[in-house]
Amino acid sequence: MALQPAAGARDLNPREVDSNRWLCEQLAAVYRRWGYAEVAPPHVERLETLEAGGGIRDRELVRLASDEPLGLRPEMTASIARAACTRLASRPRPLRLWSTGPVFRSSINDVGQPRLEERLQSGVELLGADASQALVADAELLRLLLACLRQLQITAEHQPTLLIGHHAVLSALLDQVPAEQRLATRQALVSFDPLALAELQLPAHQRQGLQQLLRLRGDTKAVLYQLEQLLGPSDLLEQLAGTLNSVAATAAAQGVRLQLDPSFQPHFDLYDGLVLKLVCQGPVAPLALASGGRYDALVARFGGVAGGMGFGFDVEAIRDLLGTEATAPQRPAATLVAYVEASQWSAALDQLEALHHKGEPAELLQSPCATREAAEAIAAERGCAACLWVAS
């Protein structure tokens, strides 16, 4: 009999579970205030849905043994987009939806063995805003993200940085590269790999320009100015500037640093517009707390006529950052109901339920206990608030 969980899976202790639930409740309170409704996408989906039109690599999916190609969801955006375009198609747009639950990814460990990674995710999706509303929708999602940080009390002391990129900006920059080199160039830029960039068969001036682009990140106004020098004035850059301006004051007031990075792309290649990633300085190393972006093409694959945007929080990364396993509110301690003689267990159960009817948590000591002192010692050992002694 195996005594350990599968590689990458975990057994959570009660305090970890309580902390995760409390963090999810804090986020849910914000989502509801902003008009978002909860949905529950399935854990199991067809691989065709999970692959999101090639946005998620097959090797990262956890496959299931079944008569049809099924797998466990590696994120929830694709499932929610599918539901929005089918079962929820008749609902008024835009749809504001949120969800919480585990996601599963497959990877290979250092010795070449498959590894399952299970994480708890909480996030939102805003679906159905058309192209003319994209700026407003993008700004709403960014402001919602900042509202979540206020609720969680993530402040300047955590050194939060909100990385922002744009798929279309990166594509416009890559259009200046010969078509046969674009895929390799994009991979080198997204991976921040100067060695791969140096090996590309490109004219020297183009290679130097791309090396400068690789280092182009930081203050939003300065980067936008450099992008305008590279691409010329455009509606795309004007819209991006408008989105950034709409959140700049709120982010500054919260101590959140905005960083524009034209070569940044999230781990999953789902997005075709604005992309984002929130990073904070953890106790040991930086922690990625949230990521997301705009995915209009994904919605179109499911038959939708307007786009979508969303983000997801890694709840356990937030727990590690804030130490909420120790600081989250404790569940009310129970009263231990103990009895002295074996014949009194029924009377003890009556006393137990009497406490429950008053709304007080209580648990039963299932074996007789000879003395009140012994019962109180057991109650203290179990972390109970009190001991109710049922004597003869």
Protein backbone atom coordinates (compact mmCIF):
# COMPACT_ATOMS: atom_id res chain seq x y z
CA MET A 1 0.00 0.00 0.00
CA ALA A 2 1.47 3.39 -1.04
CA LEU A 3 1.85 5.71 1.96
CA GLN A 4 2.69 8.89 0.05
CA PRO A 5 0.49 10.98 -2.28
CA ALA A 6 1.33 11.14 -5.98
CA ALA A 7 4.35 13.26 -6.86
CA GLY A 8 3.23 16.89 -6.88
CA ALA A 9 0.02 16.26 -4.89
CA ARG A 10 -0.24 17.27 -1.24
CA ASP A 11 -2.07 16.44 1.97
CA LEU A 12 -3.27 19.74 3.47
CA ASN A 13 -3.56 20.04 7.24
CA PRO A 14 -6.64 21.68 8.82
CA ARG A 15 -4.94 25.08 9.25
CA GLU A 16 -3.86 25.10 5.59
CA VAL A 17 -7.42 24.28 4.54
CA ASP A 18 -8.83 27.00 6.81
CA SER A 19 -6.31 29.52 5.46
CA ASN A 20 -7.06 28.66 1.83
CA ARG A 21 -10.80 28.93 2.45
CA TRP A 22 -10.42 32.28 4.21
CA LEU A 23 -8.34 33.71 1.35
CA CYS A 24 -10.89 32.47 -1.20
CA GLU A 25 -13.68 34.08 0.82
CA GLN A 26 -11.79 37.39 0.88
CA LEU A 27 -11.42 37.31 -2.90
CA ALA A 28 -15.03 36.20 -3.42
CA ALA A 29 -16.25 39.18 -1.37
CA VAL A 30 -14.51 41.52 -3.83
CA TYR A 31 -15.77 39.67 -6.91
CA ARG A 32 -19.36 39.89 -5.66
CA ARG A 33 -19.08 43.61 -4.92
CA TRP A 34 -18.05 44.15 -8.55
CA GLY A 35 -21.07 42.23 -9.85
CA TYR A 36 -19.44 38.87 -10.65
CA ALA A 37 -21.43 35.62 -10.27
CA GLU A 38 -19.90 32.30 -9.25
CA VAL A 39 -19.69 29.38 -11.66
CA ALA A 40 -18.18 25.92 -11.21
CA PRO A 41 -16.49 24.56 -14.37
CA PRO A 42 -15.90 20.79 -14.44
CA HIS A 43 -12.62 19.29 -13.28
CA VAL A 44 -12.69 16.96 -16.31
CA GLU A 45 -12.91 18.25 -19.88
CA ARG A 46 -12.30 17.01 -23.39
CA LEU A 47 -8.67 17.47 -24.38
CA GLU A 48 -9.78 19.57 -27.33
CA THR A 49 -11.20 22.13 -24.90
CA LEU A 50 -8.23 21.97 -22.52
CA GLU A 51 -5.73 22.54 -25.32
CA ALA A 52 -7.53 25.83 -26.08
CA GLY A 53 -6.73 25.74 -29.78
CA GLY A 54 -3.06 25.03 -29.19
CA GLY A 55 -2.63 27.62 -26.44
CA ILE A 56 -1.75 24.92 -23.89
CA ARG A 57 0.84 22.31 -24.76
CA ASP A 58 -0.27 18.69 -24.73
CA ARG A 59 2.58 17.62 -22.43
CA GLU A 60 1.26 19.90 -19.70
CA LEU A 61 -2.14 18.22 -19.61
CA VAL A 62 -3.02 15.46 -17.16
CA ARG A 63 -4.73 12.84 -19.32
CA LEU A 64 -7.33 10.39 -18.05
CA ALA A 65 -7.77 6.77 -19.14
CA SER A 66 -11.20 6.79 -20.84
CA ASP A 67 -13.02 5.90 -24.05
CA GLU A 68 -12.77 9.51 -25.25
CA PRO A 69 -9.81 11.90 -24.91
CA LEU A 70 -10.30 13.53 -21.50
CA GLY A 71 -8.06 15.34 -19.04
CA LEU A 72 -7.98 17.39 -15.85
CA ARG A 73 -8.20 21.15 -16.28
CA PRO A 74 -4.85 23.01 -16.12
CA GLU A 75 -6.71 26.33 -15.72
CA MET A 76 -10.35 27.40 -15.83
CA THR A 77 -10.53 30.03 -18.56
CA ALA A 78 -11.12 27.64 -21.48
CA SER A 79 -13.90 25.79 -19.64
CA ILE A 80 -15.67 29.01 -18.65
CA ALA A 81 -15.34 30.43 -22.18
CA ARG A 82 -16.88 27.21 -23.56
CA ALA A 83 -19.79 27.44 -21.11
CA ALA A 84 -20.29 31.15 -21.86
CA CYS A 85 -20.67 30.37 -25.57
CA THR A 86 -23.03 27.40 -25.06
CA ARG A 87 -25.12 27.03 -21.89
CA LEU A 88 -24.82 30.72 -20.99
CA ALA A 89 -25.15 32.02 -24.56
CA SER A 90 -28.60 33.54 -23.99
CA ARG A 91 -27.57 35.60 -20.94
CA PRO A 92 -27.05 39.35 -21.31
CA ARG A 93 -23.53 40.51 -22.11
CA PRO A 94 -21.10 41.22 -20.69
CA LEU A 95 -20.93 38.13 -18.48
CA ARG A 96 -19.07 38.66 -15.20
CA LEU A 97 -18.10 35.28 -13.76
CA TRP A 98 -15.79 34.01 -11.04
CA SER A 99 -14.69 30.57 -9.91
CA THR A 100 -12.52 28.83 -7.33
CA GLY A 101 -11.07 25.35 -7.41
CA PRO A 102 -8.07 23.10 -8.04
CA VAL A 103 -6.19 23.03 -11.32
CA PHE A 104 -3.81 20.28 -12.45
CA ARG A 105 -0.71 20.37 -14.62
CA SER A 106 1.72 17.74 -15.78
CA SER A 107 5.49 18.21 -15.86
CA ILE A 108 8.71 16.20 -15.89
CA ASN A 109 10.93 16.28 -12.81
CA ASP A 110 14.74 16.47 -12.72
CA VAL A 111 15.14 12.71 -13.19
CA GLY A 112 12.75 12.47 -16.13
CA GLN A 113 9.73 11.16 -14.21
CA PRO A 114 6.21 12.55 -14.72
CA ARG A 115 5.01 14.85 -11.98
CA LEU A 116 1.50 16.10 -11.19
CA GLU A 117 1.15 19.67 -9.93
CA GLU A 118 -2.08 20.59 -8.13
CA ARG A 119 -2.80 24.22 -7.25
CA LEU A 120 -5.79 26.11 -5.87
CA GLN A 121 -6.93 28.92 -8.17
CA SER A 122 -9.42 31.74 -7.75
CA GLY A 123 -10.19 34.08 -10.61
CA VAL A 124 -12.60 36.07 -12.75
CA GLU A 125 -13.63 36.22 -16.40
CA LEU A 126 -15.29 39.17 -18.15
CA LEU A 127 -16.88 37.93 -21.39
CA GLY A 128 -18.86 39.60 -24.13
CA ALA A 129 -17.38 43.09 -24.36
CA ASP A 130 -16.95 43.95 -28.05
CA ALA A 131 -13.88 45.59 -29.60
CA SER A 132 -15.16 49.10 -28.90
CA GLN A 133 -15.37 48.26 -25.18
CA ALA A 134 -11.97 46.60 -24.88
CA LEU A 135 -10.27 49.56 -23.21
CA VAL A 136 -12.99 49.84 -20.55
CA ALA A 137 -13.03 46.06 -19.98
CA ASP A 138 -9.23 45.85 -19.65
CA ALA A 139 -9.24 48.77 -17.20
CA GLU A 140 -12.04 47.17 -15.16
CA LEU A 141 -10.10 43.94 -14.77
CA LEU A 142 -6.93 45.75 -13.71
CA ARG A 143 -8.82 47.86 -11.18
CA LEU A 144 -10.54 44.72 -9.89
CA LEU A 145 -7.14 43.10 -9.43
CA LEU A 146 -5.97 46.10 -7.40
CA ALA A 147 -9.16 45.95 -5.31
CA CYS A 148 -8.36 42.32 -4.50
CA LEU A 149 -4.91 43.35 -3.28
CA ARG A 150 -6.49 45.92 -0.96
CA GLN A 151 -8.83 43.28 0.43
CA LEU A 152 -5.91 40.91 1.06
CA GLN A 153 -3.86 43.78 2.56
CA ILE A 154 -1.02 43.30 0.10
CA THR A 155 0.84 46.60 0.36
CA ALA A 156 4.10 48.29 -0.62
CA GLU A 157 6.00 46.23 1.96
CA HIS A 158 5.37 43.16 -0.22
CA GLN A 159 6.96 44.96 -3.19
CA PRO A 160 4.10 44.17 -5.63
CA THR A 161 4.92 44.59 -9.32
CA LEU A 162 2.24 44.35 -11.99
CA LEU A 163 3.89 43.26 -15.25
CA ILE A 164 1.90 44.28 -18.31
CA GLY A 165 2.50 43.29 -21.90
CA HIS A 166 0.46 43.14 -25.08
CA HIS A 167 0.35 40.31 -27.60
CA ALA A 168 -0.43 42.63 -30.51
CA VAL A 169 2.46 44.96 -29.64
CA LEU A 170 4.85 42.02 -29.63
CA SER A 171 3.41 40.80 -32.95
CA ALA A 172 3.86 44.26 -34.48
CA LEU A 173 7.49 44.30 -33.38
CA LEU A 174 8.03 40.82 -34.83
CA ASP A 175 6.52 41.87 -38.17
CA GLN A 176 9.81 43.68 -38.78
CA VAL A 177 11.64 40.31 -38.68
CA PRO A 178 11.73 38.00 -41.75
CA ALA A 179 8.79 35.59 -41.63
CA GLU A 180 10.97 32.47 -41.39
CA GLN A 181 12.68 33.84 -38.25
CA ARG A 182 9.64 35.14 -36.37
CA LEU A 183 8.81 32.03 -34.36
CA ALA A 184 12.41 31.58 -33.13
CA THR A 185 12.71 35.31 -32.44
CA ARG A 186 9.49 35.34 -30.46
CA GLN A 187 10.62 32.34 -28.40
CA ALA A 188 13.96 34.02 -27.64
CA LEU A 189 12.27 37.25 -26.56
CA VAL A 190 9.55 35.61 -24.45
CA SER A 191 12.13 33.31 -22.79
CA PHE A 192 14.50 36.26 -22.26
CA ASP A 193 17.26 34.25 -23.95
CA PRO A 194 20.00 36.59 -25.29
CA LEU A 195 22.11 33.63 -26.42
CA ALA A 196 19.34 32.28 -28.64
CA LEU A 197 18.77 35.78 -29.97
CA ALA A 198 22.45 36.15 -30.86
CA GLU A 199 22.37 32.90 -32.88
CA LEU A 200 19.51 33.99 -35.15
CA GLN A 201 20.40 34.47 -38.80
CA LEU A 202 19.49 38.15 -38.94
CA PRO A 203 21.22 41.29 -40.20
CA ALA A 204 23.40 42.87 -37.51
CA HIS A 205 21.24 45.98 -37.15
CA GLN A 206 18.11 43.86 -36.62
CA ARG A 207 19.82 41.67 -34.05
CA GLN A 208 21.00 44.73 -32.16
CA GLY A 209 17.49 46.17 -32.23
CA LEU A 210 16.06 42.95 -30.82
CA GLN A 211 18.70 42.86 -28.10
CA GLN A 212 17.61 46.37 -27.11
CA LEU A 213 13.99 45.20 -27.17
CA LEU A 214 14.93 42.33 -24.86
CA ARG A 215 16.00 44.92 -22.27
CA LEU A 216 13.05 47.25 -22.88
CA ARG A 217 10.94 47.10 -19.72
CA GLY A 218 10.16 49.37 -16.81
CA ASP A 219 8.37 52.72 -16.38
CA THR A 220 5.24 52.67 -18.51
CA LYS A 221 5.60 56.16 -20.00
CA ALA A 222 9.27 55.66 -20.91
CA VAL A 223 8.57 52.27 -22.55
CA LEU A 224 5.56 53.61 -24.45
CA TYR A 225 7.75 56.41 -25.81
CA GLN A 226 10.34 53.88 -27.01
CA LEU A 227 7.62 51.74 -28.60
CA GLU A 228 6.31 54.75 -30.49
CA GLN A 229 9.81 55.35 -31.84
CA LEU A 230 9.93 51.72 -33.03
CA LEU A 231 6.37 51.37 -34.37
CA GLY A 232 5.24 54.91 -34.98
CA PRO A 233 2.01 56.40 -33.61
CA SER A 234 -0.83 53.86 -33.59
CA ASP A 235 -4.29 53.25 -32.17
CA LEU A 236 -2.88 50.17 -30.43
CA LEU A 237 -0.32 52.15 -28.44
CA GLU A 238 -2.87 54.88 -27.74
CA GLN A 239 -5.31 52.31 -26.32
CA LEU A 240 -2.56 50.69 -24.25
CA ALA A 241 -1.60 54.12 -22.86
CA GLY A 242 -5.24 54.76 -21.96
CA THR A 243 -5.51 51.47 -20.09
CA LEU A 244 -2.32 52.14 -18.14
CA ASN A 245 -3.35 55.70 -17.30
CA SER A 246 -6.68 54.43 -15.95
CA VAL A 247 -4.95 52.40 -13.24
CA ALA A 248 -1.76 54.36 -12.61
CA ALA A 249 -3.05 56.55 -9.76
CA THR A 250 -4.75 53.65 -7.94
CA ALA A 251 -1.67 51.44 -8.29
CA ALA A 252 0.62 54.20 -7.01
CA ALA A 253 -1.64 54.82 -3.99
CA GLN A 254 -1.37 51.12 -3.10
CA GLY A 255 2.38 50.90 -3.64
CA VAL A 256 1.98 48.67 -6.70
CA ARG A 257 4.67 49.23 -9.32
CA LEU A 258 3.47 49.12 -12.93
CA GLN A 259 6.03 47.70 -15.35
CA LEU A 260 5.45 47.62 -19.09
CA ASP A 261 7.32 44.78 -20.79
CA PRO A 262 6.68 44.38 -24.55
CA SER A 263 8.25 40.91 -24.64
CA PHE A 264 6.34 39.52 -21.63
CA GLN A 265 3.88 36.68 -22.28
CA PRO A 266 2.23 34.42 -19.66
CA HIS A 267 3.05 30.73 -19.37
CA PHE A 268 -0.02 29.62 -21.36
CA ASP A 269 -0.31 30.97 -24.90
CA LEU A 270 -4.04 31.73 -24.61
CA TYR A 271 -3.92 35.45 -25.08
CA ASP A 272 -4.09 37.87 -28.01
CA GLY A 273 -4.33 41.24 -26.27
CA LEU A 274 -3.30 42.75 -22.96
CA VAL A 275 -1.46 40.28 -20.69
CA LEU A 276 -0.55 40.65 -17.02
CA LYS A 277 1.32 39.03 -14.16
CA LEU A 278 1.44 40.12 -10.51
CA VAL A 279 4.67 39.35 -8.64
CA CYS A 280 5.53 40.06 -4.99
CA GLN A 281 8.69 39.55 -2.98
CA GLY A 282 8.21 36.48 -0.82
CA PRO A 283 10.18 35.44 2.27
CA VAL A 284 12.77 33.63 0.12
CA ALA A 285 12.13 34.48 -3.54
CA PRO A 286 9.66 36.38 -5.74
CA LEU A 287 6.19 34.84 -5.85
CA ALA A 288 3.85 35.03 -8.86
CA LEU A 289 0.41 35.64 -7.35
CA ALA A 290 -1.77 36.20 -10.43
CA SER A 291 -1.71 36.12 -14.21
CA GLY A 292 -4.11 36.51 -17.09
CA GLY A 293 -5.02 38.56 -20.12
CA ARG A 294 -7.36 39.08 -23.07
CA TYR A 295 -8.41 36.00 -25.09
CA ASP A 296 -10.75 37.12 -27.89
CA ALA A 297 -9.59 34.38 -30.29
CA LEU A 298 -10.29 31.66 -27.71
CA VAL A 299 -13.89 32.87 -27.35
CA ALA A 300 -14.24 32.87 -31.15
CA ARG A 301 -13.13 29.22 -31.28
CA PHE A 302 -16.17 28.33 -29.15
CA GLY A 303 -18.48 30.33 -31.42
CA GLY A 304 -18.59 33.54 -29.39
CA VAL A 305 -18.99 36.84 -31.21
CA ALA A 306 -17.22 39.05 -28.65
CA GLY A 307 -14.07 38.66 -26.62
CA GLY A 308 -13.08 37.94 -23.06
CA MET A 309 -10.50 38.80 -20.46
CA GLY A 310 -9.69 37.41 -17.04
CA PHE A 311 -7.09 36.62 -14.42
CA GLY A 312 -6.51 33.95 -11.82
CA PHE A 313 -4.88 34.07 -8.38
CA ASP A 314 -2.63 31.29 -7.09
CA VAL A 315 -4.22 31.03 -3.64
CA GLU A 316 -1.39 29.02 -2.09
CA ALA A 317 1.20 31.53 -3.29
CA ILE A 318 -0.81 34.23 -1.49
CA ARG A 319 -0.86 32.04 1.62
CA ASP A 320 2.92 31.67 1.46
CA LEU A 321 3.37 35.42 1.00
CA LEU A 322 1.08 36.52 3.83
CA GLY A 323 1.69 33.62 6.22
CA THR A 324 -2.06 33.21 6.63
CA GLU A 325 -1.67 29.64 7.84
CA ALA A 326 -0.73 31.31 11.13
CA THR A 327 -2.69 34.58 10.87
CA ALA A 328 -6.03 33.64 9.29
CA PRO A 329 -8.95 33.65 11.75
CA GLN A 330 -9.12 30.49 13.83
CA ARG A 331 -12.25 28.38 13.66
CA PRO A 332 -14.16 28.46 17.00
CA ALA A 333 -12.77 25.91 19.44
CA ALA A 334 -15.15 23.11 20.42
CA THR A 335 -16.32 21.93 23.82
CA LEU A 336 -15.29 18.38 24.69
CA VAL A 337 -18.19 16.32 26.10
CA ALA A 338 -16.81 13.58 28.39
CA TYR A 339 -18.48 10.97 30.60
CA VAL A 340 -17.35 8.79 33.47
CA GLU A 341 -19.18 5.48 32.92
CA ALA A 342 -19.63 3.41 29.75
CA SER A 343 -23.43 3.43 30.21
CA GLN A 344 -23.52 7.25 29.93
CA TRP A 345 -22.55 7.60 26.26
CA SER A 346 -26.21 8.17 25.23
CA ALA A 347 -26.64 10.94 27.81
CA ALA A 348 -23.36 12.46 26.62
CA LEU A 349 -24.65 12.50 23.04
CA ASP A 350 -27.78 14.30 24.27
CA GLN A 351 -25.57 16.94 25.91
CA LEU A 352 -23.51 17.19 22.72
CA GLU A 353 -26.55 17.90 20.56
CA ALA A 354 -27.92 20.36 23.12
CA LEU A 355 -24.77 22.41 22.57
CA HIS A 356 -25.14 22.05 18.80
CA HIS A 357 -28.73 23.40 19.02
CA LYS A 358 -27.31 26.52 20.68
CA GLY A 359 -24.93 26.92 17.75
CA GLU A 360 -21.88 25.92 19.80
CA PRO A 361 -19.27 23.52 18.34
CA ALA A 362 -18.79 20.40 20.44
CA GLU A 363 -17.21 16.98 20.06
CA LEU A 364 -17.60 13.71 21.95
CA LEU A 365 -14.93 11.83 23.85
CA GLN A 366 -15.82 8.32 22.77
CA SER A 367 -14.35 6.41 25.71
CA PRO A 368 -15.19 6.83 29.41
CA CYS A 369 -12.86 9.03 31.44
CA ALA A 370 -12.36 8.27 35.14
CA THR A 371 -11.96 11.83 36.45
CA ARG A 372 -12.87 15.38 35.51
CA GLU A 373 -9.18 16.34 35.69
CA ALA A 374 -8.27 13.67 33.15
CA ALA A 375 -11.06 14.82 30.82
CA GLU A 376 -9.92 18.45 31.09
CA ALA A 377 -6.36 17.41 30.29
CA ILE A 378 -7.60 15.62 27.15
CA ALA A 379 -9.65 18.70 26.20
CA ALA A 380 -6.57 20.90 26.52
CA GLU A 381 -4.48 18.49 24.45
CA ARG A 382 -7.09 18.53 21.67
CA GLY A 383 -7.31 22.33 21.70
CA CYS A 384 -10.89 22.42 22.99
CA ALA A 385 -12.27 25.57 24.60
CA ALA A 386 -13.92 23.77 27.53
CA CYS A 387 -14.89 20.38 28.89
CA LEU A 388 -18.48 19.37 29.72
CA TRP A 389 -18.33 16.62 32.32
CA VAL A 390 -21.25 14.12 32.42
CA ALA A 391 -21.01 12.52 35.83
CA SER A 392 -23.09 9.72 37.41
